[in-house]
Amino acid sequence: MEALLRITWPLEAARRAEHLIATFGSIEALLDAHPDEQMPHCGDWRTVSLLQAVRAVALETRRARLTAGPVLSDSHALIDYLSIAMARDHAEHLRVLCLDSDNCLLAEEIVGIGTVQEVALHPREIIRPALRVNATALILVHNHPSGSAEPSKADILATQRLAAAAGLLGIAVHDHVIIARSSWRSFRALGLIK
């Protein structure tokens, strides 16, 4: 019996994994799903916990890639990491990436958690982590749980105010990135930050 279990268990696990990936559409979507979304398809919390552990390892692996050199030199690694870290959040989170003069990551901090539709951008709270680690630049990132990565007028005005305030302190705002479930937007790429 024990030998039979050793043979059939990997096959059953593989079938279950294939079913979960097919249900969610991809392994990325499966790992990005909230535990409450995973549970009805997994059948038990052990499987959900395992998926959450795999997600944490994937996130840390991507973060390690991001911190290996200048953040701006690998925009794909940055977006990949931020998408995994933020795309599935059900409320807007504002994250600040603090960079040194070589654009290497010094610190990363969530400075605000808002509602489904907004998160407040208070310049003092955003700039504080940059001052703490003597950063010379920062990248703002927030998510849009609504699914649209398009910046709102409020996002644009708040970012311009923040860039002006940070500039007075010698801190450059390199970008503001909005992450949605399946897309993202860069203020720099859109010409909204010079």
C-alpha atoms as a PDB file:
ATOM      1  CA  MET A   1       0.000   0.000   0.000  1.00  0.00           C
ATOM      2  CA  GLU A   2       2.783   2.406   0.916  1.00  0.00           C
ATOM      3  CA  ALA A   3       4.497   1.805  -2.449  1.00  0.00           C
ATOM      4  CA  LEU A   4       1.216   2.481  -4.248  1.00  0.00           C
ATOM      5  CA  LEU A   5       0.829   5.788  -2.404  1.00  0.00           C
ATOM      6  CA  ARG A   6       4.367   6.795  -3.411  1.00  0.00           C
ATOM      7  CA  ILE A   7       3.462   6.158  -7.052  1.00  0.00           C
ATOM      8  CA  THR A   8      -0.024   7.704  -7.138  1.00  0.00           C
ATOM      9  CA  TRP A   9       0.519  10.722  -4.894  1.00  0.00           C
ATOM     10  CA  PRO A  10       2.779  12.633  -7.349  1.00  0.00           C
ATOM     11  CA  LEU A  11       0.329  11.902 -10.174  1.00  0.00           C
ATOM     12  CA  GLU A  12      -2.626  13.152  -8.141  1.00  0.00           C
ATOM     13  CA  ALA A  13      -0.682  16.236  -7.055  1.00  0.00           C
ATOM     14  CA  ALA A  14       0.252  16.962 -10.677  1.00  0.00           C
ATOM     15  CA  ARG A  15      -3.380  16.609 -11.782  1.00  0.00           C
ATOM     16  CA  ARG A  16      -4.518  18.907  -8.988  1.00  0.00           C
ATOM     17  CA  ALA A  17      -1.872  21.488  -9.924  1.00  0.00           C
ATOM     18  CA  GLU A  18      -2.897  21.338 -13.593  1.00  0.00           C
ATOM     19  CA  HIS A  19      -6.538  21.795 -12.582  1.00  0.00           C
ATOM     20  CA  LEU A  20      -5.726  24.842 -10.426  1.00  0.00           C
ATOM     21  CA  ILE A  21      -3.628  26.460 -13.157  1.00  0.00           C
ATOM     22  CA  ALA A  22      -6.356  25.807 -15.747  1.00  0.00           C
ATOM     23  CA  THR A  23      -9.014  27.220 -13.400  1.00  0.00           C
ATOM     24  CA  PHE A  24      -7.109  30.464 -12.847  1.00  0.00           C
ATOM     25  CA  GLY A  25      -5.708  30.671 -16.382  1.00  0.00           C
ATOM     26  CA  SER A  26      -2.003  30.704 -15.515  1.00  0.00           C
ATOM     27  CA  ILE A  27       0.346  29.972 -12.646  1.00  0.00           C
ATOM     28  CA  GLU A  28       0.844  33.722 -12.187  1.00  0.00           C
ATOM     29  CA  ALA A  29      -2.902  34.273 -11.832  1.00  0.00           C
ATOM     30  CA  LEU A  30      -3.133  31.346  -9.408  1.00  0.00           C
ATOM     31  CA  LEU A  31      -0.369  32.759  -7.201  1.00  0.00           C
ATOM     32  CA  ASP A  32      -1.759  36.308  -7.468  1.00  0.00           C
ATOM     33  CA  ALA A  33      -5.220  35.214  -6.349  1.00  0.00           C
ATOM     34  CA  HIS A  34      -6.279  36.110  -2.838  1.00  0.00           C
ATOM     35  CA  PRO A  35      -6.393  33.123  -0.429  1.00  0.00           C
ATOM     36  CA  ASP A  36     -10.177  33.504  -0.216  1.00  0.00           C
ATOM     37  CA  GLU A  37     -10.332  33.111  -4.017  1.00  0.00           C
ATOM     38  CA  GLN A  38      -8.009  30.085  -3.926  1.00  0.00           C
ATOM     39  CA  MET A  39      -9.798  28.194  -1.155  1.00  0.00           C
ATOM     40  CA  PRO A  40     -12.915  27.034  -3.067  1.00  0.00           C
ATOM     41  CA  HIS A  41     -10.670  25.471  -5.719  1.00  0.00           C
ATOM     42  CA  CYS A  42      -7.980  24.093  -3.408  1.00  0.00           C
ATOM     43  CA  GLY A  43     -10.233  22.302  -0.976  1.00  0.00           C
ATOM     44  CA  ASP A  44      -8.104  22.839   2.116  1.00  0.00           C
ATOM     45  CA  TRP A  45      -6.095  25.536   3.823  1.00  0.00           C
ATOM     46  CA  ARG A  46      -2.873  23.489   3.653  1.00  0.00           C
ATOM     47  CA  THR A  47      -2.861  23.853  -0.132  1.00  0.00           C
ATOM     48  CA  VAL A  48      -3.683  27.549   0.128  1.00  0.00           C
ATOM     49  CA  SER A  49      -0.850  27.984   2.635  1.00  0.00           C
ATOM     50  CA  LEU A  50       1.515  26.186   0.300  1.00  0.00           C
ATOM     51  CA  LEU A  51       0.498  28.482  -2.570  1.00  0.00           C
ATOM     52  CA  GLN A  52       1.070  31.508  -0.350  1.00  0.00           C
ATOM     53  CA  ALA A  53       4.536  30.196   0.541  1.00  0.00           C
ATOM     54  CA  VAL A  54       5.359  29.709  -3.138  1.00  0.00           C
ATOM     55  CA  ARG A  55       4.155  33.262  -3.817  1.00  0.00           C
ATOM     56  CA  ALA A  56       6.370  34.617  -1.020  1.00  0.00           C
ATOM     57  CA  VAL A  57       9.409  32.807  -2.437  1.00  0.00           C
ATOM     58  CA  ALA A  58       8.650  34.122  -5.944  1.00  0.00           C
ATOM     59  CA  LEU A  59       8.294  37.654  -4.577  1.00  0.00           C
ATOM     60  CA  GLU A  60      11.563  37.470  -2.659  1.00  0.00           C
ATOM     61  CA  THR A  61      13.365  36.037  -5.698  1.00  0.00           C
ATOM     62  CA  ARG A  62      12.161  38.946  -7.822  1.00  0.00           C
ATOM     63  CA  ARG A  63      13.059  41.441  -5.095  1.00  0.00           C
ATOM     64  CA  ALA A  64      16.584  40.003  -4.971  1.00  0.00           C
ATOM     65  CA  ARG A  65      16.885  40.501  -8.728  1.00  0.00           C
ATOM     66  CA  LEU A  66      15.703  44.056  -8.293  1.00  0.00           C
ATOM     67  CA  THR A  67      18.250  44.871  -5.596  1.00  0.00           C
ATOM     68  CA  ALA A  68      21.207  43.363  -7.465  1.00  0.00           C
ATOM     69  CA  GLY A  69      21.945  46.615  -9.307  1.00  0.00           C
ATOM     70  CA  PRO A  70      20.461  49.919 -10.422  1.00  0.00           C
ATOM     71  CA  VAL A  71      16.672  49.705 -10.316  1.00  0.00           C
ATOM     72  CA  LEU A  72      16.247  51.738 -13.474  1.00  0.00           C
ATOM     73  CA  SER A  73      18.517  49.483 -15.534  1.00  0.00           C
ATOM     74  CA  ASP A  74      15.964  46.649 -15.556  1.00  0.00           C
ATOM     75  CA  SER A  75      12.463  48.065 -15.804  1.00  0.00           C
ATOM     76  CA  HIS A  76      11.052  44.598 -16.549  1.00  0.00           C
ATOM     77  CA  ALA A  77      12.367  43.273 -13.221  1.00  0.00           C
ATOM     78  CA  LEU A  78      10.883  46.302 -11.452  1.00  0.00           C
ATOM     79  CA  ILE A  79       7.429  45.880 -13.010  1.00  0.00           C
ATOM     80  CA  ASP A  80       7.549  42.108 -12.480  1.00  0.00           C
ATOM     81  CA  TYR A  81       8.298  42.559  -8.781  1.00  0.00           C
ATOM     82  CA  LEU A  82       5.742  45.331  -8.263  1.00  0.00           C
ATOM     83  CA  SER A  83       3.035  43.385 -10.079  1.00  0.00           C
ATOM     84  CA  ILE A  84       3.509  40.387  -7.819  1.00  0.00           C
ATOM     85  CA  ALA A  85       3.774  42.568  -4.720  1.00  0.00           C
ATOM     86  CA  MET A  86       0.770  44.827  -5.366  1.00  0.00           C
ATOM     87  CA  ALA A  87      -1.568  43.782  -8.183  1.00  0.00           C
ATOM     88  CA  ARG A  88      -3.871  41.685  -6.019  1.00  0.00           C
ATOM     89  CA  ASP A  89      -4.279  44.171  -3.164  1.00  0.00           C
ATOM     90  CA  HIS A  90      -7.961  44.972  -2.601  1.00  0.00           C
ATOM     91  CA  ALA A  91      -7.253  48.519  -1.408  1.00  0.00           C
ATOM     92  CA  GLU A  92      -4.881  51.090  -2.856  1.00  0.00           C
ATOM     93  CA  HIS A  93      -1.389  50.945  -1.354  1.00  0.00           C
ATOM     94  CA  LEU A  94       1.236  53.630  -1.864  1.00  0.00           C
ATOM     95  CA  ARG A  95       4.789  52.340  -1.856  1.00  0.00           C
ATOM     96  CA  VAL A  96       7.992  54.383  -2.019  1.00  0.00           C
ATOM     97  CA  LEU A  97      11.236  53.000  -3.424  1.00  0.00           C
ATOM     98  CA  CYS A  98      14.181  55.023  -2.115  1.00  0.00           C
ATOM     99  CA  LEU A  99      17.259  55.090  -4.345  1.00  0.00           C
ATOM    100  CA  ASP A 100      20.875  56.149  -3.905  1.00  0.00           C
ATOM    101  CA  SER A 101      22.873  58.226  -6.405  1.00  0.00           C
ATOM    102  CA  ASP A 102      23.567  55.067  -8.457  1.00  0.00           C
ATOM    103  CA  ASN A 103      19.811  54.296  -8.525  1.00  0.00           C
ATOM    104  CA  CYS A 104      20.259  51.227  -6.326  1.00  0.00           C
ATOM    105  CA  LEU A 105      17.455  50.415  -3.901  1.00  0.00           C
ATOM    106  CA  LEU A 106      18.132  51.645  -0.378  1.00  0.00           C
ATOM    107  CA  ALA A 107      14.690  51.079   1.106  1.00  0.00           C
ATOM    108  CA  GLU A 108      11.140  50.223   0.208  1.00  0.00           C
ATOM    109  CA  GLU A 109       8.239  51.265   2.353  1.00  0.00           C
ATOM    110  CA  ILE A 110       4.452  51.257   2.209  1.00  0.00           C
ATOM    111  CA  VAL A 111       3.546  54.801   3.254  1.00  0.00           C
ATOM    112  CA  GLY A 112      -0.197  54.693   2.784  1.00  0.00           C
ATOM    113  CA  ILE A 113      -3.134  52.315   2.573  1.00  0.00           C
ATOM    114  CA  GLY A 114      -6.360  53.759   1.272  1.00  0.00           C
ATOM    115  CA  THR A 115      -9.675  52.552  -0.014  1.00  0.00           C
ATOM    116  CA  VAL A 116     -10.639  50.675  -3.167  1.00  0.00           C
ATOM    117  CA  GLN A 117     -10.569  53.970  -5.087  1.00  0.00           C
ATOM    118  CA  GLU A 118      -7.912  56.180  -3.531  1.00  0.00           C
ATOM    119  CA  VAL A 119      -4.892  56.513  -1.314  1.00  0.00           C
ATOM    120  CA  ALA A 120      -3.747  59.855   0.045  1.00  0.00           C
ATOM    121  CA  LEU A 121      -0.428  61.242  -1.161  1.00  0.00           C
ATOM    122  CA  HIS A 122       0.959  63.314   1.709  1.00  0.00           C
ATOM    123  CA  PRO A 123       4.377  64.720   0.693  1.00  0.00           C
ATOM    124  CA  ARG A 124       5.716  64.653   4.257  1.00  0.00           C
ATOM    125  CA  GLU A 125       4.922  60.934   4.705  1.00  0.00           C
ATOM    126  CA  ILE A 126       6.316  60.043   1.283  1.00  0.00           C
ATOM    127  CA  ILE A 127       9.555  61.987   1.646  1.00  0.00           C
ATOM    128  CA  ARG A 128      10.234  60.865   5.244  1.00  0.00           C
ATOM    129  CA  PRO A 129      11.612  57.377   4.275  1.00  0.00           C
ATOM    130  CA  ALA A 130      13.857  58.971   1.638  1.00  0.00           C
ATOM    131  CA  LEU A 131      15.317  61.385   4.211  1.00  0.00           C
ATOM    132  CA  ARG A 132      15.775  58.562   6.730  1.00  0.00           C
ATOM    133  CA  VAL A 133      18.063  56.595   4.358  1.00  0.00           C
ATOM    134  CA  ASN A 134      19.692  59.624   2.660  1.00  0.00           C
ATOM    135  CA  ALA A 135      18.119  58.784  -0.694  1.00  0.00           C
ATOM    136  CA  THR A 136      18.748  61.038  -3.668  1.00  0.00           C
ATOM    137  CA  ALA A 137      15.795  59.776  -5.675  1.00  0.00           C
ATOM    138  CA  LEU A 138      12.562  57.888  -5.311  1.00  0.00           C
ATOM    139  CA  ILE A 139       9.979  56.012  -7.303  1.00  0.00           C
ATOM    140  CA  LEU A 140       6.349  56.136  -6.224  1.00  0.00           C
ATOM    141  CA  VAL A 141       4.156  53.126  -6.834  1.00  0.00           C
ATOM    142  CA  HIS A 142       0.506  52.557  -6.143  1.00  0.00           C
ATOM    143  CA  ASN A 143      -2.035  50.026  -7.273  1.00  0.00           C
ATOM    144  CA  HIS A 144      -5.487  50.415  -8.779  1.00  0.00           C
ATOM    145  CA  PRO A 145      -7.707  47.550  -7.588  1.00  0.00           C
ATOM    146  CA  SER A 146     -10.353  48.708 -10.085  1.00  0.00           C
ATOM    147  CA  GLY A 147      -8.323  47.127 -12.876  1.00  0.00           C
ATOM    148  CA  SER A 148      -7.527  50.288 -14.851  1.00  0.00           C
ATOM    149  CA  ALA A 149      -3.955  51.525 -14.608  1.00  0.00           C
ATOM    150  CA  GLU A 150      -4.771  54.947 -16.058  1.00  0.00           C
ATOM    151  CA  PRO A 151      -3.714  57.809 -13.759  1.00  0.00           C
ATOM    152  CA  SER A 152      -6.467  60.043 -12.438  1.00  0.00           C
ATOM    153  CA  LYS A 153      -6.243  63.838 -12.439  1.00  0.00           C
ATOM    154  CA  ALA A 154      -5.758  63.642  -8.664  1.00  0.00           C
ATOM    155  CA  ASP A 155      -2.828  61.194  -9.167  1.00  0.00           C
ATOM    156  CA  ILE A 156      -1.198  63.580 -11.628  1.00  0.00           C
ATOM    157  CA  LEU A 157      -1.631  66.721  -9.501  1.00  0.00           C
ATOM    158  CA  ALA A 158      -0.461  65.021  -6.307  1.00  0.00           C
ATOM    159  CA  THR A 159       2.611  63.628  -8.071  1.00  0.00           C
ATOM    160  CA  GLN A 160       3.521  67.048  -9.472  1.00  0.00           C
ATOM    161  CA  ARG A 161       3.175  68.586  -5.997  1.00  0.00           C
ATOM    162  CA  LEU A 162       5.295  65.843  -4.500  1.00  0.00           C
ATOM    163  CA  ALA A 163       8.002  66.167  -7.177  1.00  0.00           C
ATOM    164  CA  ALA A 164       8.215  69.906  -6.494  1.00  0.00           C
ATOM    165  CA  ALA A 165       8.464  69.381  -2.718  1.00  0.00           C
ATOM    166  CA  ALA A 166      11.064  66.608  -3.055  1.00  0.00           C
ATOM    167  CA  GLY A 167      13.082  68.713  -5.498  1.00  0.00           C
ATOM    168  CA  LEU A 168      13.439  71.442  -2.860  1.00  0.00           C
ATOM    169  CA  LEU A 169      15.148  68.829  -0.675  1.00  0.00           C
ATOM    170  CA  GLY A 170      17.425  67.577  -3.452  1.00  0.00           C
ATOM    171  CA  ILE A 171      15.451  64.387  -4.030  1.00  0.00           C
ATOM    172  CA  ALA A 172      14.445  63.508  -7.586  1.00  0.00           C
ATOM    173  CA  VAL A 173      11.183  61.725  -8.350  1.00  0.00           C
ATOM    174  CA  HIS A 174      12.187  59.357 -11.149  1.00  0.00           C
ATOM    175  CA  ASP A 175       8.745  57.898 -11.750  1.00  0.00           C
ATOM    176  CA  HIS A 176       5.307  57.126 -10.440  1.00  0.00           C
ATOM    177  CA  VAL A 177       4.067  53.698 -11.489  1.00  0.00           C
ATOM    178  CA  ILE A 178       0.462  52.550 -11.279  1.00  0.00           C
ATOM    179  CA  ILE A 179      -0.042  48.786 -11.081  1.00  0.00           C
ATOM    180  CA  ALA A 180      -3.329  47.114 -11.987  1.00  0.00           C
ATOM    181  CA  ARG A 181      -4.087  43.386 -12.209  1.00  0.00           C
ATOM    182  CA  SER A 182      -3.115  43.017 -15.855  1.00  0.00           C
ATOM    183  CA  SER A 183      -1.512  46.323 -16.818  1.00  0.00           C
ATOM    184  CA  TRP A 184       0.622  49.179 -15.548  1.00  0.00           C
ATOM    185  CA  ARG A 185       1.421  52.784 -16.398  1.00  0.00           C
ATOM    186  CA  SER A 186       4.555  54.859 -15.895  1.00  0.00           C
ATOM    187  CA  PHE A 187       4.192  58.606 -15.434  1.00  0.00           C
ATOM    188  CA  ARG A 188       7.621  59.052 -17.009  1.00  0.00           C
ATOM    189  CA  ALA A 189       6.658  57.017 -20.086  1.00  0.00           C
ATOM    190  CA  LEU A 190       3.412  59.006 -20.345  1.00  0.00           C
ATOM    191  CA  GLY A 191       5.374  62.267 -20.209  1.00  0.00           C
ATOM    192  CA  LEU A 192       3.805  63.267 -16.881  1.00  0.00           C
ATOM    193  CA  ILE A 193       7.185  63.474 -15.097  1.00  0.00           C
ATOM    194  CA  LYS A 194      10.154  65.204 -16.693  1.00  0.00           C
END
